[in-house]
N, C-alpha and C. Protein backbone atom coordinates (compact mmCIF):
# COMPACT_ATOMS: atom_id res chain seq x y z
N UNK A 1 15.89 21.61 -4.48
CA UNK A 1 15.10 21.42 -3.28
C UNK A 1 14.63 19.98 -3.23
N UNK A 2 14.68 19.38 -2.05
CA UNK A 2 14.19 18.01 -1.86
C UNK A 2 12.90 18.05 -1.07
N UNK A 3 11.93 17.27 -1.55
CA UNK A 3 10.65 17.13 -0.87
C UNK A 3 10.42 15.65 -0.65
N UNK A 4 10.18 15.25 0.57
CA UNK A 4 9.89 13.85 0.87
C UNK A 4 8.42 13.75 1.24
N UNK A 5 7.77 12.73 0.75
CA UNK A 5 6.36 12.56 1.08
C UNK A 5 5.92 11.14 0.78
N UNK A 6 4.72 10.85 1.20
CA UNK A 6 4.10 9.57 0.96
C UNK A 6 2.98 9.79 -0.04
N UNK A 7 2.81 8.82 -0.93
CA UNK A 7 1.79 8.95 -1.97
C UNK A 7 1.07 7.63 -2.15
N UNK A 8 -0.14 7.72 -2.70
CA UNK A 8 -0.90 6.54 -3.10
C UNK A 8 -0.91 6.49 -4.61
N UNK A 9 -0.63 5.33 -5.15
CA UNK A 9 -0.61 5.15 -6.59
C UNK A 9 -2.03 4.93 -7.08
N UNK A 10 -2.54 5.86 -7.91
CA UNK A 10 -3.90 5.70 -8.44
C UNK A 10 -3.90 4.83 -9.69
N UNK A 11 -2.92 5.06 -10.57
CA UNK A 11 -2.72 4.17 -11.71
C UNK A 11 -1.31 4.33 -12.23
N UNK A 12 -0.87 3.32 -12.98
CA UNK A 12 0.48 3.32 -13.52
C UNK A 12 0.45 2.70 -14.91
N UNK A 13 1.27 3.21 -15.80
CA UNK A 13 1.42 2.64 -17.14
C UNK A 13 2.90 2.55 -17.45
N UNK A 14 3.24 2.15 -18.65
CA UNK A 14 4.64 2.05 -19.02
C UNK A 14 5.28 3.43 -19.17
N UNK A 15 4.48 4.48 -19.35
CA UNK A 15 5.02 5.83 -19.57
C UNK A 15 4.94 6.75 -18.36
N UNK A 16 4.06 6.42 -17.40
CA UNK A 16 3.92 7.33 -16.27
C UNK A 16 2.96 6.81 -15.22
N UNK A 17 2.59 7.72 -14.30
CA UNK A 17 1.72 7.33 -13.20
C UNK A 17 0.90 8.54 -12.74
N UNK A 18 -0.22 8.24 -12.09
CA UNK A 18 -1.03 9.24 -11.43
C UNK A 18 -1.00 8.90 -9.95
N UNK A 19 -0.56 9.85 -9.14
CA UNK A 19 -0.40 9.60 -7.71
C UNK A 19 -1.15 10.64 -6.89
N UNK A 20 -1.59 10.25 -5.72
CA UNK A 20 -2.24 11.14 -4.76
C UNK A 20 -1.22 11.40 -3.67
N UNK A 21 -0.85 12.68 -3.48
CA UNK A 21 0.19 13.04 -2.51
C UNK A 21 -0.35 13.94 -1.42
N UNK A 22 0.38 13.95 -0.30
CA UNK A 22 0.02 14.85 0.79
C UNK A 22 0.63 16.24 0.61
N UNK A 23 1.63 16.35 -0.28
CA UNK A 23 2.32 17.63 -0.50
C UNK A 23 2.24 18.02 -1.97
N UNK A 24 2.22 19.32 -2.27
CA UNK A 24 2.18 19.74 -3.67
C UNK A 24 3.55 19.63 -4.35
N UNK A 25 3.54 19.43 -5.65
CA UNK A 25 4.75 19.50 -6.47
C UNK A 25 4.50 20.52 -7.57
N UNK A 26 5.55 21.03 -8.19
CA UNK A 26 5.38 22.04 -9.22
C UNK A 26 5.58 21.41 -10.60
N UNK A 27 4.95 22.01 -11.61
CA UNK A 27 5.07 21.53 -12.98
C UNK A 27 6.53 21.53 -13.42
N UNK A 28 6.94 20.48 -14.09
CA UNK A 28 8.30 20.38 -14.57
C UNK A 28 9.30 19.86 -13.55
N UNK A 29 8.88 19.67 -12.32
CA UNK A 29 9.79 19.16 -11.28
C UNK A 29 10.28 17.77 -11.65
N UNK A 30 11.55 17.51 -11.40
CA UNK A 30 12.15 16.19 -11.58
C UNK A 30 12.05 15.46 -10.24
N UNK A 31 11.45 14.28 -10.25
CA UNK A 31 11.25 13.54 -9.00
C UNK A 31 11.77 12.12 -9.14
N UNK A 32 12.11 11.52 -8.01
CA UNK A 32 12.48 10.11 -7.94
C UNK A 32 11.36 9.40 -7.19
N UNK A 33 10.81 8.35 -7.79
CA UNK A 33 9.71 7.60 -7.18
C UNK A 33 10.18 6.20 -6.82
N UNK A 34 9.74 5.73 -5.67
CA UNK A 34 9.95 4.34 -5.25
C UNK A 34 8.57 3.72 -5.10
N UNK A 35 8.28 2.73 -5.93
CA UNK A 35 6.97 2.07 -5.92
C UNK A 35 7.14 0.68 -5.36
N UNK A 36 6.48 0.40 -4.22
CA UNK A 36 6.56 -0.92 -3.58
C UNK A 36 5.64 -1.89 -4.31
N UNK A 37 6.21 -3.01 -4.71
CA UNK A 37 5.43 -4.04 -5.40
C UNK A 37 4.82 -4.99 -4.37
N UNK A 38 3.62 -5.49 -4.64
CA UNK A 38 2.92 -6.33 -3.66
C UNK A 38 3.37 -7.80 -3.71
N UNK A 39 4.65 -8.03 -3.45
CA UNK A 39 5.19 -9.38 -3.43
C UNK A 39 5.53 -9.76 -2.00
N UNK A 40 5.67 -11.06 -1.76
CA UNK A 40 6.01 -11.53 -0.42
C UNK A 40 7.36 -10.98 0.04
N UNK A 41 8.35 -11.04 -0.84
CA UNK A 41 9.67 -10.47 -0.55
C UNK A 41 9.63 -8.99 -0.91
N UNK A 42 10.19 -8.14 -0.08
CA UNK A 42 10.22 -6.71 -0.36
C UNK A 42 10.84 -6.46 -1.73
N UNK A 43 10.13 -5.75 -2.58
CA UNK A 43 10.59 -5.48 -3.93
C UNK A 43 10.09 -4.10 -4.34
N UNK A 44 10.97 -3.32 -4.95
CA UNK A 44 10.64 -1.94 -5.31
C UNK A 44 11.00 -1.65 -6.76
N UNK A 45 10.23 -0.77 -7.40
CA UNK A 45 10.58 -0.22 -8.70
C UNK A 45 10.99 1.23 -8.46
N UNK A 46 12.15 1.61 -8.98
CA UNK A 46 12.64 2.97 -8.81
C UNK A 46 12.61 3.67 -10.17
N UNK A 47 11.99 4.84 -10.20
CA UNK A 47 11.85 5.62 -11.43
C UNK A 47 12.30 7.05 -11.20
N UNK A 48 12.83 7.67 -12.23
CA UNK A 48 12.95 9.12 -12.30
C UNK A 48 11.78 9.58 -13.14
N UNK A 49 11.22 10.74 -12.82
CA UNK A 49 10.04 11.20 -13.55
C UNK A 49 9.97 12.72 -13.55
N UNK A 50 9.12 13.24 -14.44
CA UNK A 50 8.86 14.68 -14.52
C UNK A 50 7.38 14.93 -14.25
N UNK A 51 7.07 15.95 -13.45
CA UNK A 51 5.68 16.30 -13.14
C UNK A 51 5.07 16.99 -14.35
N UNK A 52 3.97 16.40 -14.87
CA UNK A 52 3.27 16.97 -16.03
C UNK A 52 2.03 17.75 -15.64
N UNK A 53 1.39 17.33 -14.55
CA UNK A 53 0.12 17.97 -14.13
C UNK A 53 -0.04 17.80 -12.64
N UNK A 54 -0.64 18.80 -12.01
CA UNK A 54 -0.94 18.71 -10.58
C UNK A 54 -2.26 19.42 -10.32
N UNK A 55 -3.06 18.89 -9.42
CA UNK A 55 -4.33 19.52 -9.06
C UNK A 55 -4.64 19.24 -7.60
N UNK A 56 -5.17 20.25 -6.90
CA UNK A 56 -5.53 20.03 -5.50
C UNK A 56 -6.77 19.13 -5.40
N UNK A 57 -6.82 18.33 -4.34
CA UNK A 57 -7.99 17.49 -4.05
C UNK A 57 -8.36 17.69 -2.59
N UNK A 58 -9.46 17.11 -2.18
CA UNK A 58 -9.90 17.24 -0.79
C UNK A 58 -8.88 16.63 0.19
N UNK A 59 -8.14 15.62 -0.28
CA UNK A 59 -7.21 14.94 0.63
C UNK A 59 -5.74 15.22 0.32
N UNK A 60 -5.45 16.18 -0.54
CA UNK A 60 -4.05 16.48 -0.85
C UNK A 60 -3.88 17.01 -2.26
N UNK A 61 -3.08 16.30 -3.06
CA UNK A 61 -2.77 16.75 -4.42
C UNK A 61 -2.66 15.54 -5.33
N UNK A 62 -3.32 15.61 -6.49
CA UNK A 62 -3.19 14.58 -7.50
C UNK A 62 -2.12 15.04 -8.48
N UNK A 63 -1.13 14.17 -8.74
CA UNK A 63 0.03 14.52 -9.54
C UNK A 63 0.23 13.49 -10.65
N UNK A 64 0.32 13.97 -11.90
CA UNK A 64 0.62 13.10 -13.04
C UNK A 64 2.09 13.26 -13.39
N UNK A 65 2.79 12.13 -13.52
CA UNK A 65 4.21 12.15 -13.84
C UNK A 65 4.49 11.28 -15.07
N UNK A 66 5.54 11.65 -15.80
CA UNK A 66 6.01 10.84 -16.92
C UNK A 66 7.39 10.30 -16.56
N UNK A 67 7.56 8.97 -16.71
CA UNK A 67 8.82 8.34 -16.37
C UNK A 67 9.91 8.69 -17.39
N UNK A 68 11.14 8.82 -16.89
CA UNK A 68 12.27 9.09 -17.76
C UNK A 68 13.51 8.45 -17.15
N UNK A 69 14.04 7.41 -17.65
CA UNK A 69 13.57 6.63 -18.80
C UNK A 69 12.38 5.76 -18.41
N UNK A 70 11.75 5.17 -19.42
CA UNK A 70 10.54 4.39 -19.18
C UNK A 70 10.81 3.07 -18.47
N UNK A 71 12.06 2.63 -18.42
CA UNK A 71 12.39 1.35 -17.79
C UNK A 71 12.83 1.56 -16.35
N UNK A 72 12.16 0.90 -15.37
CA UNK A 72 12.53 1.10 -13.96
C UNK A 72 13.77 0.29 -13.57
N UNK A 73 14.30 0.65 -12.42
CA UNK A 73 15.34 -0.14 -11.75
C UNK A 73 14.63 -0.93 -10.66
N UNK A 74 14.88 -2.23 -10.58
CA UNK A 74 14.27 -3.08 -9.56
C UNK A 74 15.27 -3.34 -8.44
N UNK A 75 14.79 -3.27 -7.19
CA UNK A 75 15.67 -3.49 -6.04
C UNK A 75 14.85 -4.03 -4.88
N UNK A 76 15.53 -4.53 -3.86
CA UNK A 76 14.82 -4.98 -2.65
C UNK A 76 14.94 -3.92 -1.54
N UNK A 77 15.51 -2.76 -1.86
CA UNK A 77 15.65 -1.65 -0.91
C UNK A 77 15.05 -0.39 -1.53
N UNK A 78 14.26 0.36 -0.77
CA UNK A 78 13.66 1.59 -1.29
C UNK A 78 14.65 2.72 -1.30
């Protein structure tokens, strides 16, 4: 199943990220993330990740993911 959504990055580390999403995800789900970097030229980090934790919030869902592999792919296209 594919789910497309927009998320806000709350924090990021070399191993994973905590994101605020408008849609729920399930534990163990494999996801592909595109993180836009704040550079003048469009630049993106692309990661594959696994959902480790999810919790409902007043504005959506907070989701913790672990990157796999830990090294992103960099591109100028999302």
